[in-house]
Amino acid sequence: SHKHFHTRSGPQDKSLPEGTFKIVHYAGEVVYSVHGFLEKNTDTLFKDLSGLMFRCKNPILHKMFPEGDEATWAGAAKRPPTAGKAFVKSMNEMIAILNTKIPSYVRCIKSNHKKMSRKIE
């Protein structure tokens, strides 16, 4: 057990609702539900962190992170693309598509407040 992690001590313990656990963060206590926890928390785990867990001497952590085995990383990038890199890639692809097109322009006639023809303000 860790001093920042709290869970029910048994069925008679009513300090937390069933199926929850509490983490004491720097900003205060936060209660999490185990239902849907994995589905909601699918953030990318960087390969160097999973590698660290895989190389850990703790056998439970070693088994929990088989993707940390560097032998399976052949051809994979060390870090996943960031949102910024994905945006730049998307913009570059859009510019490449636009550069294959022949642009044509439509002129806009500037209107006037009196709504009169042949009068431009």
PDB file of N, CA and C in Angstrom:
ATOM      1  N   SER A   1       0.835  -1.185   0.000  1.00  0.00           N
ATOM      2  CA  SER A   1       0.000   0.000   0.000  1.00  0.00           C
ATOM      3  C   SER A   1       0.879   1.247   0.000  1.00  0.00           C
ATOM      4  N   HIS A   2       0.373   2.299  -0.577  1.00  0.00           N
ATOM      5  CA  HIS A   2       1.093   3.565  -0.669  1.00  0.00           C
ATOM      6  C   HIS A   2       0.319   4.613   0.100  1.00  0.00           C
ATOM      7  N   LYS A   3       0.998   5.565   0.704  1.00  0.00           N
ATOM      8  CA  LYS A   3       0.316   6.556   1.536  1.00  0.00           C
ATOM      9  C   LYS A   3      -0.626   7.456   0.737  1.00  0.00           C
ATOM     10  N   HIS A   4      -0.458   7.529  -0.583  1.00  0.00           N
ATOM     11  CA  HIS A   4      -1.328   8.367  -1.411  1.00  0.00           C
ATOM     12  C   HIS A   4      -2.465   7.575  -2.063  1.00  0.00           C
ATOM     13  N   PHE A   5      -2.504   6.274  -1.836  1.00  0.00           N
ATOM     14  CA  PHE A   5      -3.528   5.413  -2.422  1.00  0.00           C
ATOM     15  C   PHE A   5      -4.413   4.855  -1.319  1.00  0.00           C
ATOM     16  N   HIS A   6      -5.730   4.996  -1.464  1.00  0.00           N
ATOM     17  CA  HIS A   6      -6.665   4.489  -0.462  1.00  0.00           C
ATOM     18  C   HIS A   6      -7.772   3.702  -1.159  1.00  0.00           C
ATOM     19  N   THR A   7      -8.137   2.590  -0.553  1.00  0.00           N
ATOM     20  CA  THR A   7      -9.245   1.785  -1.039  1.00  0.00           C
ATOM     21  C   THR A   7      -9.979   1.231   0.180  1.00  0.00           C
ATOM     22  N   ARG A   8     -11.096   0.595  -0.060  1.00  0.00           N
ATOM     23  CA  ARG A   8     -11.853   0.012   1.052  1.00  0.00           C
ATOM     24  C   ARG A   8     -11.049  -1.112   1.691  1.00  0.00           C
ATOM     25  N   SER A   9     -11.110  -1.200   3.022  1.00  0.00           N
ATOM     26  CA  SER A   9     -10.378  -2.259   3.710  1.00  0.00           C
ATOM     27  C   SER A   9     -11.148  -3.565   3.742  1.00  0.00           C
ATOM     28  N   GLY A  10     -12.429  -3.520   3.379  1.00  0.00           N
ATOM     29  CA  GLY A  10     -13.255  -4.721   3.368  1.00  0.00           C
ATOM     30  C   GLY A  10     -14.702  -4.359   3.120  1.00  0.00           C
ATOM     31  N   PRO A  11     -15.591  -5.361   3.070  1.00  0.00           N
ATOM     32  CA  PRO A  11     -17.009  -5.100   2.778  1.00  0.00           C
ATOM     33  C   PRO A  11     -17.680  -4.179   3.808  1.00  0.00           C
ATOM     34  N   GLN A  12     -17.225  -4.212   5.075  1.00  0.00           N
ATOM     35  CA  GLN A  12     -17.847  -3.377   6.111  1.00  0.00           C
ATOM     36  C   GLN A  12     -17.371  -1.926   6.033  1.00  0.00           C
ATOM     37  N   ASP A  13     -16.254  -1.680   5.356  1.00  0.00           N
ATOM     38  CA  ASP A  13     -15.704  -0.321   5.252  1.00  0.00           C
ATOM     39  C   ASP A  13     -16.569   0.506   4.296  1.00  0.00           C
ATOM     40  N   LYS A  14     -17.169   1.556   4.818  1.00  0.00           N
ATOM     41  CA  LYS A  14     -18.054   2.414   4.021  1.00  0.00           C
ATOM     42  C   LYS A  14     -17.413   3.780   3.747  1.00  0.00           C
ATOM     43  N   SER A  15     -16.098   3.901   3.979  1.00  0.00           N
ATOM     44  CA  SER A  15     -15.432   5.190   3.786  1.00  0.00           C
ATOM     45  C   SER A  15     -15.371   5.587   2.308  1.00  0.00           C
ATOM     46  N   LEU A  16     -15.436   4.596   1.433  1.00  0.00           N
ATOM     47  CA  LEU A  16     -15.454   4.840  -0.022  1.00  0.00           C
ATOM     48  C   LEU A  16     -16.552   3.990  -0.637  1.00  0.00           C
ATOM     49  N   PRO A  17     -17.191   4.470  -1.686  1.00  0.00           N
ATOM     50  CA  PRO A  17     -18.177   3.631  -2.373  1.00  0.00           C
ATOM     51  C   PRO A  17     -17.507   2.385  -2.957  1.00  0.00           C
ATOM     52  N   GLU A  18     -18.264   1.325  -3.111  1.00  0.00           N
ATOM     53  CA  GLU A  18     -17.741   0.092  -3.687  1.00  0.00           C
ATOM     54  C   GLU A  18     -17.299   0.345  -5.126  1.00  0.00           C
ATOM     55  N   GLY A  19     -16.194  -0.245  -5.521  1.00  0.00           N
ATOM     56  CA  GLY A  19     -15.685  -0.093  -6.890  1.00  0.00           C
ATOM     57  C   GLY A  19     -14.966   1.226  -7.120  1.00  0.00           C
ATOM     58  N   THR A  20     -14.470   1.840  -6.037  1.00  0.00           N
ATOM     59  CA  THR A  20     -13.733   3.098  -6.173  1.00  0.00           C
ATOM     60  C   THR A  20     -12.419   3.011  -5.419  1.00  0.00           C
ATOM     61  N   PHE A  21     -11.534   3.929  -5.729  1.00  0.00           N
ATOM     62  CA  PHE A  21     -10.301   4.102  -4.974  1.00  0.00           C
ATOM     63  C   PHE A  21      -9.994   5.587  -4.937  1.00  0.00           C
ATOM     64  N   LYS A  22      -9.178   5.987  -3.992  1.00  0.00           N
ATOM     65  CA  LYS A  22      -8.867   7.399  -3.810  1.00  0.00           C
ATOM     66  C   LYS A  22      -7.364   7.607  -3.932  1.00  0.00           C
ATOM     67  N   ILE A  23      -6.992   8.647  -4.667  1.00  0.00           N
ATOM     68  CA  ILE A  23      -5.594   9.058  -4.793  1.00  0.00           C
ATOM     69  C   ILE A  23      -5.469  10.444  -4.162  1.00  0.00           C
ATOM     70  N   VAL A  24      -4.476  10.622  -3.326  1.00  0.00           N
ATOM     71  CA  VAL A  24      -4.221  11.933  -2.739  1.00  0.00           C
ATOM     72  C   VAL A  24      -3.201  12.634  -3.631  1.00  0.00           C
ATOM     73  N   HIS A  25      -3.700  13.599  -4.420  1.00  0.00           N
ATOM     74  CA  HIS A  25      -2.851  14.377  -5.325  1.00  0.00           C
ATOM     75  C   HIS A  25      -2.354  15.618  -4.597  1.00  0.00           C
ATOM     76  N   TYR A  26      -1.477  16.365  -5.242  1.00  0.00           N
ATOM     77  CA  TYR A  26      -0.976  17.603  -4.651  1.00  0.00           C
ATOM     78  C   TYR A  26      -2.112  18.605  -4.432  1.00  0.00           C
ATOM     79  N   ALA A  27      -3.153  18.528  -5.264  1.00  0.00           N
ATOM     80  CA  ALA A  27      -4.257  19.478  -5.162  1.00  0.00           C
ATOM     81  C   ALA A  27      -5.389  18.974  -4.264  1.00  0.00           C
ATOM     82  N   GLY A  28      -5.290  17.772  -3.775  1.00  0.00           N
ATOM     83  CA  GLY A  28      -6.330  17.240  -2.905  1.00  0.00           C
ATOM     84  C   GLY A  28      -6.648  15.794  -3.219  1.00  0.00           C
ATOM     85  N   GLU A  29      -7.693  15.281  -2.577  1.00  0.00           N
ATOM     86  CA  GLU A  29      -8.097  13.888  -2.747  1.00  0.00           C
ATOM     87  C   GLU A  29      -9.035  13.763  -3.943  1.00  0.00           C
ATOM     88  N   VAL A  30      -8.808  12.733  -4.767  1.00  0.00           N
ATOM     89  CA  VAL A  30      -9.661  12.469  -5.924  1.00  0.00           C
ATOM     90  C   VAL A  30     -10.098  11.009  -5.857  1.00  0.00           C
ATOM     91  N   VAL A  31     -11.417  10.788  -5.961  1.00  0.00           N
ATOM     92  CA  VAL A  31     -11.965   9.435  -5.935  1.00  0.00           C
ATOM     93  C   VAL A  31     -12.229   9.006  -7.379  1.00  0.00           C
ATOM     94  N   TYR A  32     -11.730   7.840  -7.746  1.00  0.00           N
ATOM     95  CA  TYR A  32     -11.883   7.288  -9.088  1.00  0.00           C
ATOM     96  C   TYR A  32     -12.763   6.045  -9.033  1.00  0.00           C
ATOM     97  N   SER A  33     -13.528   5.831 -10.080  1.00  0.00           N
ATOM     98  CA  SER A  33     -14.337   4.622 -10.202  1.00  0.00           C
ATOM     99  C   SER A  33     -13.575   3.630 -11.076  1.00  0.00           C
ATOM    100  N   VAL A  34     -13.612   2.361 -10.675  1.00  0.00           N
ATOM    101  CA  VAL A  34     -12.932   1.346 -11.481  1.00  0.00           C
ATOM    102  C   VAL A  34     -13.727   1.007 -12.741  1.00  0.00           C
ATOM    103  N   HIS A  35     -15.020   1.329 -12.746  1.00  0.00           N
ATOM    104  CA  HIS A  35     -15.874   1.015 -13.894  1.00  0.00           C
ATOM    105  C   HIS A  35     -15.555   1.980 -15.036  1.00  0.00           C
ATOM    106  N   GLY A  36     -15.076   1.452 -16.154  1.00  0.00           N
ATOM    107  CA  GLY A  36     -14.723   2.273 -17.312  1.00  0.00           C
ATOM    108  C   GLY A  36     -13.396   2.986 -17.171  1.00  0.00           C
ATOM    109  N   PHE A  37     -12.625   2.698 -16.128  1.00  0.00           N
ATOM    110  CA  PHE A  37     -11.367   3.401 -15.882  1.00  0.00           C
ATOM    111  C   PHE A  37     -10.379   3.197 -17.032  1.00  0.00           C
ATOM    112  N   LEU A  38     -10.235   1.969 -17.483  1.00  0.00           N
ATOM    113  CA  LEU A  38      -9.284   1.691 -18.563  1.00  0.00           C
ATOM    114  C   LEU A  38      -9.716   2.329 -19.876  1.00  0.00           C
ATOM    115  N   GLU A  39     -11.017   2.324 -20.157  1.00  0.00           N
ATOM    116  CA  GLU A  39     -11.516   2.902 -21.399  1.00  0.00           C
ATOM    117  C   GLU A  39     -11.309   4.411 -21.432  1.00  0.00           C
ATOM    118  N   LYS A  40     -11.402   5.057 -20.282  1.00  0.00           N
ATOM    119  CA  LYS A  40     -11.256   6.511 -20.207  1.00  0.00           C
ATOM    120  C   LYS A  40      -9.800   6.947 -20.199  1.00  0.00           C
ATOM    121  N   ASN A  41      -8.914   6.074 -19.810  1.00  0.00           N
ATOM    122  CA  ASN A  41      -7.505   6.437 -19.642  1.00  0.00           C
ATOM    123  C   ASN A  41      -6.638   5.666 -20.624  1.00  0.00           C
ATOM    124  N   THR A  42      -6.749   6.032 -21.872  1.00  0.00           N
ATOM    125  CA  THR A  42      -5.992   5.342 -22.918  1.00  0.00           C
ATOM    126  C   THR A  42      -4.869   6.219 -23.468  1.00  0.00           C
ATOM    127  N   ASP A  43      -4.304   7.066 -22.628  1.00  0.00           N
ATOM    128  CA  ASP A  43      -3.201   7.911 -23.074  1.00  0.00           C
ATOM    129  C   ASP A  43      -2.033   7.033 -23.515  1.00  0.00           C
ATOM    130  N   THR A  44      -1.273   7.529 -24.454  1.00  0.00           N
ATOM    131  CA  THR A  44      -0.125   6.804 -24.957  1.00  0.00           C
ATOM    132  C   THR A  44       0.958   6.749 -23.885  1.00  0.00           C
ATOM    133  N   LEU A  45       1.467   5.560 -23.653  1.00  0.00           N
ATOM    134  CA  LEU A  45       2.585   5.387 -22.730  1.00  0.00           C
ATOM    135  C   LEU A  45       3.849   5.363 -23.578  1.00  0.00           C
ATOM    136  N   PHE A  46       4.742   6.313 -23.327  1.00  0.00           N
ATOM    137  CA  PHE A  46       5.960   6.388 -24.124  1.00  0.00           C
ATOM    138  C   PHE A  46       6.776   5.110 -23.966  1.00  0.00           C
ATOM    139  N   LYS A  47       7.437   4.731 -25.042  1.00  0.00           N
ATOM    140  CA  LYS A  47       8.185   3.469 -25.050  1.00  0.00           C
ATOM    141  C   LYS A  47       9.290   3.446 -24.005  1.00  0.00           C
ATOM    142  N   ASP A  48       9.906   4.590 -23.752  1.00  0.00           N
ATOM    143  CA  ASP A  48      10.976   4.576 -22.752  1.00  0.00           C
ATOM    144  C   ASP A  48      10.425   4.303 -21.351  1.00  0.00           C
ATOM    145  N   LEU A  49       9.198   4.741 -21.078  1.00  0.00           N
ATOM    146  CA  LEU A  49       8.595   4.452 -19.776  1.00  0.00           C
ATOM    147  C   LEU A  49       8.173   2.991 -19.664  1.00  0.00           C
ATOM    148  N   SER A  50       7.583   2.450 -20.739  1.00  0.00           N
ATOM    149  CA  SER A  50       7.220   1.037 -20.682  1.00  0.00           C
ATOM    150  C   SER A  50       8.479   0.166 -20.635  1.00  0.00           C
ATOM    151  N   GLY A  51       9.540   0.617 -21.285  1.00  0.00           N
ATOM    152  CA  GLY A  51      10.816  -0.103 -21.210  1.00  0.00           C
ATOM    153  C   GLY A  51      11.381  -0.108 -19.801  1.00  0.00           C
ATOM    154  N   LEU A  52      11.250   1.020 -19.128  1.00  0.00           N
ATOM    155  CA  LEU A  52      11.705   1.117 -17.745  1.00  0.00           C
ATOM    156  C   LEU A  52      10.936   0.143 -16.857  1.00  0.00           C
ATOM    157  N   MET A  53       9.616   0.072 -17.046  1.00  0.00           N
ATOM    158  CA  MET A  53       8.801  -0.848 -16.254  1.00  0.00           C
ATOM    159  C   MET A  53       9.139  -2.301 -16.577  1.00  0.00           C
ATOM    160  N   PHE A  54       9.408  -2.587 -17.867  1.00  0.00           N
ATOM    161  CA  PHE A  54       9.735  -3.953 -18.280  1.00  0.00           C
ATOM    162  C   PHE A  54      11.069  -4.397 -17.661  1.00  0.00           C
ATOM    163  N   ARG A  55      12.008  -3.476 -17.547  1.00  0.00           N
ATOM    164  CA  ARG A  55      13.325  -3.800 -16.987  1.00  0.00           C
ATOM    165  C   ARG A  55      13.341  -3.767 -15.456  1.00  0.00           C
ATOM    166  N   CYS A  56      12.218  -3.389 -14.852  1.00  0.00           N
ATOM    167  CA  CYS A  56      12.120  -3.281 -13.404  1.00  0.00           C
ATOM    168  C   CYS A  56      12.360  -4.643 -12.739  1.00  0.00           C
ATOM    169  N   LYS A  57      12.942  -4.636 -11.577  1.00  0.00           N
ATOM    170  CA  LYS A  57      13.193  -5.886 -10.844  1.00  0.00           C
ATOM    171  C   LYS A  57      11.923  -6.461 -10.237  1.00  0.00           C
ATOM    172  N   ASN A  58      10.874  -5.645 -10.137  1.00  0.00           N
ATOM    173  CA  ASN A  58       9.609  -6.125  -9.590  1.00  0.00           C
ATOM    174  C   ASN A  58       8.952  -7.024 -10.635  1.00  0.00           C
ATOM    175  N   PRO A  59       8.735  -8.306 -10.329  1.00  0.00           N
ATOM    176  CA  PRO A  59       8.201  -9.236 -11.333  1.00  0.00           C
ATOM    177  C   PRO A  59       6.786  -8.884 -11.804  1.00  0.00           C
ATOM    178  N   ILE A  60       5.996  -8.261 -10.949  1.00  0.00           N
ATOM    179  CA  ILE A  60       4.636  -7.877 -11.352  1.00  0.00           C
ATOM    180  C   ILE A  60       4.692  -6.781 -12.409  1.00  0.00           C
ATOM    181  N   LEU A  61       5.513  -5.752 -12.173  1.00  0.00           N
ATOM    182  CA  LEU A  61       5.651  -4.673 -13.158  1.00  0.00           C
ATOM    183  C   LEU A  61       6.244  -5.197 -14.460  1.00  0.00           C
ATOM    184  N   HIS A  62       7.198  -6.100 -14.342  1.00  0.00           N
ATOM    185  CA  HIS A  62       7.810  -6.695 -15.540  1.00  0.00           C
ATOM    186  C   HIS A  62       6.748  -7.382 -16.400  1.00  0.00           C
ATOM    187  N   LYS A  63       5.838  -8.117 -15.772  1.00  0.00           N
ATOM    188  CA  LYS A  63       4.778  -8.820 -16.509  1.00  0.00           C
ATOM    189  C   LYS A  63       3.709  -7.866 -17.038  1.00  0.00           C
ATOM    190  N   MET A  64       3.497  -6.746 -16.353  1.00  0.00           N
ATOM    191  CA  MET A  64       2.454  -5.803 -16.759  1.00  0.00           C
ATOM    192  C   MET A  64       2.831  -4.999 -18.006  1.00  0.00           C
ATOM    193  N   PHE A  65       4.112  -4.923 -18.335  1.00  0.00           N
ATOM    194  CA  PHE A  65       4.569  -4.092 -19.443  1.00  0.00           C
ATOM    195  C   PHE A  65       5.383  -4.886 -20.463  1.00  0.00           C
ATOM    196  N   PRO A  66       4.780  -5.909 -21.105  1.00  0.00           N
ATOM    197  CA  PRO A  66       5.534  -6.683 -22.098  1.00  0.00           C
ATOM    198  C   PRO A  66       5.927  -5.829 -23.315  1.00  0.00           C
ATOM    199  N   GLU A  67       5.158  -4.750 -23.566  1.00  0.00           N
ATOM    200  CA  GLU A  67       5.490  -3.882 -24.698  1.00  0.00           C
ATOM    201  C   GLU A  67       6.783  -3.104 -24.454  1.00  0.00           C
ATOM    202  N   GLY A  68       7.328  -3.186 -23.241  1.00  0.00           N
ATOM    203  CA  GLY A  68       8.590  -2.527 -22.926  1.00  0.00           C
ATOM    204  C   GLY A  68       9.806  -3.298 -23.385  1.00  0.00           C
ATOM    205  N   ASP A  69       9.602  -4.499 -23.912  1.00  0.00           N
ATOM    206  CA  ASP A  69      10.707  -5.317 -24.411  1.00  0.00           C
ATOM    207  C   ASP A  69      11.241  -4.692 -25.697  1.00  0.00           C
ATOM    208  N   GLU A  70      12.441  -4.150 -25.631  1.00  0.00           N
ATOM    209  CA  GLU A  70      13.025  -3.436 -26.773  1.00  0.00           C
ATOM    210  C   GLU A  70      13.202  -4.325 -28.003  1.00  0.00           C
ATOM    211  N   ALA A  71      13.230  -5.634 -27.815  1.00  0.00           N
ATOM    212  CA  ALA A  71      13.374  -6.549 -28.956  1.00  0.00           C
ATOM    213  C   ALA A  71      12.161  -6.467 -29.879  1.00  0.00           C
ATOM    214  N   THR A  72      11.029  -6.001 -29.362  1.00  0.00           N
ATOM    215  CA  THR A  72       9.811  -5.905 -30.176  1.00  0.00           C
ATOM    216  C   THR A  72       9.643  -4.530 -30.824  1.00  0.00           C
ATOM    217  N   TRP A  73      10.604  -3.640 -30.648  1.00  0.00           N
ATOM    218  CA  TRP A  73      10.481  -2.264 -31.130  1.00  0.00           C
ATOM    219  C   TRP A  73      11.002  -2.056 -32.543  1.00  0.00           C
ATOM    220  N   ALA A  74      11.412  -3.067 -33.225  1.00  0.00           N
ATOM    221  CA  ALA A  74      12.029  -2.911 -34.554  1.00  0.00           C
ATOM    222  C   ALA A  74      11.146  -2.074 -35.468  1.00  0.00           C
ATOM    223  N   GLY A  75      11.718  -0.996 -35.977  1.00  0.00           N
ATOM    224  CA  GLY A  75      11.007  -0.145 -36.925  1.00  0.00           C
ATOM    225  C   GLY A  75      10.013   0.816 -36.309  1.00  0.00           C
ATOM    226  N   ALA A  76       9.860   0.783 -34.999  1.00  0.00           N
ATOM    227  CA  ALA A  76       8.893   1.681 -34.348  1.00  0.00           C
ATOM    228  C   ALA A  76       9.586   2.949 -33.877  1.00  0.00           C
ATOM    229  N   ALA A  77       8.881   4.054 -33.960  1.00  0.00           N
ATOM    230  CA  ALA A  77       9.419   5.316 -33.473  1.00  0.00           C
ATOM    231  C   ALA A  77       9.509   5.266 -31.951  1.00  0.00           C
ATOM    232  N   LYS A  78      10.506   5.960 -31.397  1.00  0.00           N
ATOM    233  CA  LYS A  78      10.662   5.948 -29.947  1.00  0.00           C
ATOM    234  C   LYS A  78       9.488   6.638 -29.269  1.00  0.00           C
ATOM    235  N   ARG A  79       9.049   7.747 -29.811  1.00  0.00           N
ATOM    236  CA  ARG A  79       7.928   8.476 -29.227  1.00  0.00           C
ATOM    237  C   ARG A  79       6.823   8.635 -30.257  1.00  0.00           C
ATOM    238  N   PRO A  80       5.574   8.570 -29.820  1.00  0.00           N
ATOM    239  CA  PRO A  80       4.465   8.756 -30.761  1.00  0.00           C
ATOM    240  C   PRO A  80       4.425  10.215 -31.231  1.00  0.00           C
ATOM    241  N   PRO A  81       3.794  10.470 -32.373  1.00  0.00           N
ATOM    242  CA  PRO A  81       3.725  11.852 -32.843  1.00  0.00           C
ATOM    243  C   PRO A  81       2.903  12.716 -31.892  1.00  0.00           C
ATOM    244  N   THR A  82       3.355  13.944 -31.705  1.00  0.00           N
ATOM    245  CA  THR A  82       2.624  14.872 -30.843  1.00  0.00           C
ATOM    246  C   THR A  82       1.479  15.490 -31.635  1.00  0.00           C
ATOM    247  N   ALA A  83       0.577  16.158 -30.949  1.00  0.00           N
ATOM    248  CA  ALA A  83      -0.535  16.831 -31.625  1.00  0.00           C
ATOM    249  C   ALA A  83       0.003  17.890 -32.584  1.00  0.00           C
ATOM    250  N   GLY A  84       1.053  18.587 -32.180  1.00  0.00           N
ATOM    251  CA  GLY A  84       1.656  19.606 -33.045  1.00  0.00           C
ATOM    252  C   GLY A  84       2.217  19.008 -34.321  1.00  0.00           C
ATOM    253  N   LYS A  85       2.919  17.892 -34.198  1.00  0.00           N
ATOM    254  CA  LYS A  85       3.482  17.241 -35.387  1.00  0.00           C
ATOM    255  C   LYS A  85       2.377  16.705 -36.290  1.00  0.00           C
ATOM    256  N   ALA A  86       1.322  16.174 -35.691  1.00  0.00           N
ATOM    257  CA  ALA A  86       0.195  15.671 -36.480  1.00  0.00           C
ATOM    258  C   ALA A  86      -0.474  16.819 -37.234  1.00  0.00           C
ATOM    259  N   PHE A  87      -0.586  17.988 -36.595  1.00  0.00           N
ATOM    260  CA  PHE A  87      -1.187  19.162 -37.238  1.00  0.00           C
ATOM    261  C   PHE A  87      -0.322  19.631 -38.402  1.00  0.00           C
ATOM    262  N   VAL A  88       0.979  19.728 -38.185  1.00  0.00           N
ATOM    263  CA  VAL A  88       1.892  20.154 -39.255  1.00  0.00           C
ATOM    264  C   VAL A  88       1.826  19.180 -40.419  1.00  0.00           C
ATOM    265  N   LYS A  89       1.801  17.887 -40.134  1.00  0.00           N
ATOM    266  CA  LYS A  89       1.695  16.884 -41.204  1.00  0.00           C
ATOM    267  C   LYS A  89       0.395  17.065 -41.977  1.00  0.00           C
ATOM    268  N   SER A  90      -0.700  17.285 -41.265  1.00  0.00           N
ATOM    269  CA  SER A  90      -1.994  17.488 -41.902  1.00  0.00           C
ATOM    270  C   SER A  90      -1.981  18.728 -42.787  1.00  0.00           C
ATOM    271  N   MET A  91      -1.378  19.813 -42.310  1.00  0.00           N
ATOM    272  CA  MET A  91      -1.299  21.055 -43.098  1.00  0.00           C
ATOM    273  C   MET A  91      -0.435  20.845 -44.345  1.00  0.00           C
ATOM    274  N   ASN A  92       0.668  20.144 -44.199  1.00  0.00           N
ATOM    275  CA  ASN A  92       1.537  19.875 -45.355  1.00  0.00           C
ATOM    276  C   ASN A  92       0.812  19.043 -46.408  1.00  0.00           C
ATOM    277  N   GLU A  93       0.016  18.061 -45.953  1.00  0.00           N
ATOM    278  CA  GLU A  93      -0.758  17.255 -46.897  1.00  0.00           C
ATOM    279  C   GLU A  93      -1.809  18.102 -47.607  1.00  0.00           C
ATOM    280  N   MET A  94      -2.450  19.008 -46.867  1.00  0.00           N
ATOM    281  CA  MET A  94      -3.449  19.883 -47.473  1.00  0.00           C
ATOM    282  C   MET A  94      -2.809  20.817 -48.499  1.00  0.00           C
ATOM    283  N   ILE A  95      -1.644  21.392 -48.178  1.00  0.00           N
ATOM    284  CA  ILE A  95      -0.944  22.280 -49.106  1.00  0.00           C
ATOM    285  C   ILE A  95      -0.530  21.504 -50.358  1.00  0.00           C
ATOM    286  N   ALA A  96      -0.085  20.270 -50.184  1.00  0.00           N
ATOM    287  CA  ALA A  96       0.293  19.453 -51.348  1.00  0.00           C
ATOM    288  C   ALA A  96      -0.904  19.227 -52.259  1.00  0.00           C
ATOM    289  N   ILE A  97      -2.070  18.984 -51.683  1.00  0.00           N
ATOM    290  CA  ILE A  97      -3.284  18.804 -52.489  1.00  0.00           C
ATOM    291  C   ILE A  97      -3.654  20.105 -53.190  1.00  0.00           C
ATOM    292  N   LEU A  98      -3.597  21.211 -52.451  1.00  0.00           N
ATOM    293  CA  LEU A  98      -3.940  22.519 -53.043  1.00  0.00           C
ATOM    294  C   LEU A  98      -2.990  22.878 -54.183  1.00  0.00           C
ATOM    295  N   ASN A  99      -1.722  22.517 -54.052  1.00  0.00           N
ATOM    296  CA  ASN A  99      -0.740  22.830 -55.094  1.00  0.00           C
ATOM    297  C   ASN A  99      -0.976  22.042 -56.381  1.00  0.00           C
ATOM    298  N   THR A 100      -1.772  20.996 -56.339  1.00  0.00           N
ATOM    299  CA  THR A 100      -2.071  20.236 -57.559  1.00  0.00           C
ATOM    300  C   THR A 100      -3.277  20.814 -58.292  1.00  0.00           C
ATOM    301  N   LYS A 101      -3.922  21.810 -57.717  1.00  0.00           N
ATOM    302  CA  LYS A 101      -5.135  22.393 -58.296  1.00  0.00           C
ATOM    303  C   LYS A 101      -4.822  23.693 -59.021  1.00  0.00           C
ATOM    304  N   ILE A 102      -5.719  24.077 -59.914  1.00  0.00           N
ATOM    305  CA  ILE A 102      -5.594  25.359 -60.610  1.00  0.00           C
ATOM    306  C   ILE A 102      -6.566  26.325 -59.932  1.00  0.00           C
ATOM    307  N   PRO A 103      -6.018  27.333 -59.262  1.00  0.00           N
ATOM    308  CA  PRO A 103      -6.914  28.237 -58.540  1.00  0.00           C
ATOM    309  C   PRO A 103      -7.684  29.161 -59.486  1.00  0.00           C
ATOM    310  N   SER A 104      -8.900  29.449 -59.135  1.00  0.00           N
ATOM    311  CA  SER A 104      -9.686  30.457 -59.843  1.00  0.00           C
ATOM    312  C   SER A 104     -10.361  31.304 -58.781  1.00  0.00           C
ATOM    313  N   TYR A 105     -10.555  32.550 -59.107  1.00  0.00           N
ATOM    314  CA  TYR A 105     -11.069  33.475 -58.109  1.00  0.00           C
ATOM    315  C   TYR A 105     -12.407  34.042 -58.552  1.00  0.00           C
ATOM    316  N   VAL A 106     -13.260  34.308 -57.605  1.00  0.00           N
ATOM    317  CA  VAL A 106     -14.542  34.956 -57.851  1.00  0.00           C
ATOM    318  C   VAL A 106     -14.435  36.347 -57.245  1.00  0.00           C
ATOM    319  N   ARG A 107     -14.690  37.340 -58.074  1.00  0.00           N
ATOM    320  CA  ARG A 107     -14.624  38.708 -57.561  1.00  0.00           C
ATOM    321  C   ARG A 107     -15.904  39.032 -56.815  1.00  0.00           C
ATOM    322  N   CYS A 108     -15.734  39.686 -55.703  1.00  0.00           N
ATOM    323  CA  CYS A 108     -16.883  40.113 -54.911  1.00  0.00           C
ATOM    324  C   CYS A 108     -17.119  41.597 -55.168  1.00  0.00           C
ATOM    325  N   ILE A 109     -18.359  41.958 -55.392  1.00  0.00           N
ATOM    326  CA  ILE A 109     -18.699  43.362 -55.587  1.00  0.00           C
ATOM    327  C   ILE A 109     -19.012  43.942 -54.223  1.00  0.00           C
ATOM    328  N   LYS A 110     -18.327  45.033 -53.921  1.00  0.00           N
ATOM    329  CA  LYS A 110     -18.517  45.677 -52.633  1.00  0.00           C
ATOM    330  C   LYS A 110     -19.868  46.396 -52.637  1.00  0.00           C
ATOM    331  N   SER A 111     -20.690  46.070 -51.699  1.00  0.00           N
ATOM    332  CA  SER A 111     -22.030  46.664 -51.658  1.00  0.00           C
ATOM    333  C   SER A 111     -21.969  48.076 -51.089  1.00  0.00           C
ATOM    334  N   ASN A 112     -23.129  48.754 -51.167  1.00  0.00           N
ATOM    335  CA  ASN A 112     -23.235  50.084 -50.574  1.00  0.00           C
ATOM    336  C   ASN A 112     -24.404  50.099 -49.608  1.00  0.00           C
ATOM    337  N   HIS A 113     -24.385  51.063 -48.723  1.00  0.00           N
ATOM    338  CA  HIS A 113     -25.409  51.132 -47.690  1.00  0.00           C
ATOM    339  C   HIS A 113     -26.777  51.503 -48.247  1.00  0.00           C
ATOM    340  N   LYS A 114     -26.827  52.166 -49.398  1.00  0.00           N
ATOM    341  CA  LYS A 114     -28.114  52.588 -49.978  1.00  0.00           C
ATOM    342  C   LYS A 114     -28.738  51.489 -50.818  1.00  0.00           C
ATOM    343  N   LYS A 115     -28.017  50.402 -51.039  1.00  0.00           N
ATOM    344  CA  LYS A 115     -28.493  49.253 -51.819  1.00  0.00           C
ATOM    345  C   LYS A 115     -28.885  49.682 -53.236  1.00  0.00           C
ATOM    346  N   MET A 116     -28.084  50.564 -53.810  1.00  0.00           N
ATOM    347  CA  MET A 116     -28.355  51.067 -55.168  1.00  0.00           C
ATOM    348  C   MET A 116     -27.379  50.419 -56.140  1.00  0.00           C
ATOM    349  N   SER A 117     -27.855  50.116 -57.331  1.00  0.00           N
ATOM    350  CA  SER A 117     -26.992  49.529 -58.342  1.00  0.00           C
ATOM    351  C   SER A 117     -26.010  50.582 -58.859  1.00  0.00           C
ATOM    352  N   ARG A 118     -24.869  50.094 -59.325  1.00  0.00           N
ATOM    353  CA  ARG A 118     -23.805  50.905 -59.890  1.00  0.00           C
ATOM    354  C   ARG A 118     -23.236  51.954 -58.946  1.00  0.00           C
ATOM    355  N   LYS A 119     -23.402  51.741 -57.662  1.00  0.00           N
ATOM    356  CA  LYS A 119     -22.873  52.673 -56.652  1.00  0.00           C
ATOM    357  C   LYS A 119     -22.001  51.864 -55.698  1.00  0.00           C
ATOM    358  N   ILE A 120     -20.726  52.223 -55.618  1.00  0.00           N
ATOM    359  CA  ILE A 120     -19.784  51.529 -54.730  1.00  0.00           C
ATOM    360  C   ILE A 120     -19.236  52.553 -53.735  1.00  0.00           C
ATOM    361  N   GLU A 121     -19.258  52.203 -52.520  1.00  0.00           N
ATOM    362  CA  GLU A 121     -18.735  53.104 -51.475  1.00  0.00           C
ATOM    363  C   GLU A 121     -17.405  52.632 -50.963  1.00  0.00           C
TER     364      GLU A 121
END
